[in-house]
């Protein structure tokens, strides 16, 4: 009995089941449906982010956050809007504020 208590868990047979699986085998199909946010959530995010820029005399975010917002996040939010005219209006507001804040930085 003392001998059995001294065994560690990885020495116990059958601990991880009988079938380990093939590390390089074909992966099982994944049923993935991307999540599409509601329009009101997209607008709320744009209102908040653009509002922060409009109220600021200098960049309201760290440089890394500014870069992420400029290069990815704000444009991604605009692409989620179904009305392209509205998306273009947001893009214009974003461009104006980015230009203003870039000018203020230099």
Protein backbone atom coordinates (compact mmCIF):
# COMPACT_ATOMS: atom_id res chain seq x y z
CA UNK A 1 0.00 0.00 0.00
CA UNK A 2 2.84 2.41 0.76
CA UNK A 3 4.30 1.53 -2.63
CA UNK A 4 1.07 2.50 -4.40
CA UNK A 5 0.83 5.83 -2.53
CA UNK A 6 4.34 6.71 -3.72
CA UNK A 7 3.28 6.50 -7.37
CA UNK A 8 2.72 9.87 -8.98
CA UNK A 9 -0.34 10.55 -11.10
CA UNK A 10 1.49 10.21 -14.43
CA UNK A 11 2.44 6.64 -13.59
CA UNK A 12 -1.15 5.49 -13.24
CA UNK A 13 -2.28 3.57 -16.31
CA UNK A 14 -5.37 4.83 -18.12
CA UNK A 15 -5.24 8.27 -16.49
CA UNK A 16 -5.63 10.08 -19.81
CA UNK A 17 -7.80 7.52 -21.57
CA UNK A 18 -6.94 4.91 -24.15
CA UNK A 19 -6.81 7.11 -27.25
CA UNK A 20 -4.27 9.92 -27.21
CA UNK A 21 -5.04 11.05 -30.74
CA UNK A 22 -2.75 11.86 -33.64
CA UNK A 23 -0.75 15.05 -33.14
CA UNK A 24 -0.39 15.58 -36.89
CA UNK A 25 -3.67 14.05 -38.01
CA UNK A 26 -6.57 15.83 -39.62
CA UNK A 27 -8.27 18.27 -37.27
CA UNK A 28 -11.98 17.89 -36.71
CA UNK A 29 -14.21 20.35 -38.53
CA UNK A 30 -15.14 23.36 -36.43
CA UNK A 31 -18.52 24.96 -36.84
CA UNK A 32 -17.62 28.65 -36.50
CA UNK A 33 -20.12 31.45 -36.85
CA UNK A 34 -18.57 34.88 -36.44
CA UNK A 35 -20.22 37.18 -33.95
CA UNK A 36 -21.61 40.34 -35.54
CA UNK A 37 -22.20 43.13 -33.05
CA UNK A 38 -25.45 45.06 -33.00
CA UNK A 39 -25.49 48.38 -34.84
CA UNK A 40 -26.18 50.33 -31.66
CA UNK A 41 -23.05 48.89 -30.03
CA UNK A 42 -20.96 49.86 -33.06
CA UNK A 43 -22.37 53.40 -32.99
CA UNK A 44 -21.83 53.68 -29.23
CA UNK A 45 -18.18 52.71 -29.67
CA UNK A 46 -17.73 55.25 -32.48
CA UNK A 47 -19.47 57.96 -30.46
CA UNK A 48 -17.21 57.28 -27.49
CA UNK A 49 -13.93 57.09 -29.43
CA UNK A 50 -14.59 60.05 -31.71
CA UNK A 51 -15.94 62.01 -28.73
CA UNK A 52 -12.68 61.40 -26.86
CA UNK A 53 -10.74 62.76 -29.84
CA UNK A 54 -13.01 65.80 -30.27
CA UNK A 55 -12.65 66.78 -26.60
CA UNK A 56 -8.87 66.36 -26.56
CA UNK A 57 -6.21 68.95 -27.32
CA UNK A 58 -3.64 66.16 -27.57
CA UNK A 59 -3.89 62.41 -28.09
CA UNK A 60 -6.20 61.00 -25.42
CA UNK A 61 -4.59 57.56 -25.64
CA UNK A 62 -1.18 55.95 -25.32
CA UNK A 63 0.76 55.73 -28.60
CA UNK A 64 0.11 51.99 -28.90
CA UNK A 65 -3.64 52.49 -28.41
CA UNK A 66 -3.65 55.40 -30.86
CA UNK A 67 -1.91 53.23 -33.45
CA UNK A 68 -4.36 50.35 -32.88
CA UNK A 69 -7.36 52.67 -33.12
CA UNK A 70 -6.03 54.41 -36.23
CA UNK A 71 -4.80 51.34 -38.10
CA UNK A 72 -7.49 48.87 -37.22
CA UNK A 73 -10.27 49.49 -34.74
CA UNK A 74 -11.97 52.66 -36.05
CA UNK A 75 -12.02 51.44 -39.64
CA UNK A 76 -13.29 48.04 -38.53
CA UNK A 77 -16.17 49.69 -36.69
CA UNK A 78 -17.05 51.66 -39.83
CA UNK A 79 -17.16 48.49 -41.92
CA UNK A 80 -19.69 47.00 -39.50
CA UNK A 81 -22.23 49.72 -40.25
CA UNK A 82 -24.72 48.64 -42.92
CA UNK A 83 -25.30 52.20 -44.21
CA UNK A 84 -22.23 53.22 -46.22
CA UNK A 85 -23.18 56.91 -46.11
CA UNK A 86 -23.16 56.82 -42.33
CA UNK A 87 -19.87 54.88 -42.35
CA UNK A 88 -18.33 57.52 -44.62
CA UNK A 89 -19.53 60.32 -42.31
CA UNK A 90 -17.78 58.58 -39.40
CA UNK A 91 -14.63 58.12 -41.50
CA UNK A 92 -14.63 61.85 -42.26
CA UNK A 93 -15.00 62.78 -38.56
CA UNK A 94 -12.19 60.38 -37.70
CA UNK A 95 -9.90 61.77 -40.42
CA UNK A 96 -10.52 65.39 -39.36
CA UNK A 97 -9.75 64.61 -35.72
CA UNK A 98 -6.68 62.55 -36.53
CA UNK A 99 -5.32 65.37 -38.69
CA UNK A 100 -6.01 67.93 -35.95
CA UNK A 101 -4.36 65.83 -33.24
CA UNK A 102 -1.37 64.99 -35.47
CA UNK A 103 -0.90 68.72 -36.13
CA UNK A 104 -1.15 69.52 -32.41
CA UNK A 105 1.50 66.89 -31.65
CA UNK A 106 4.08 68.42 -33.99
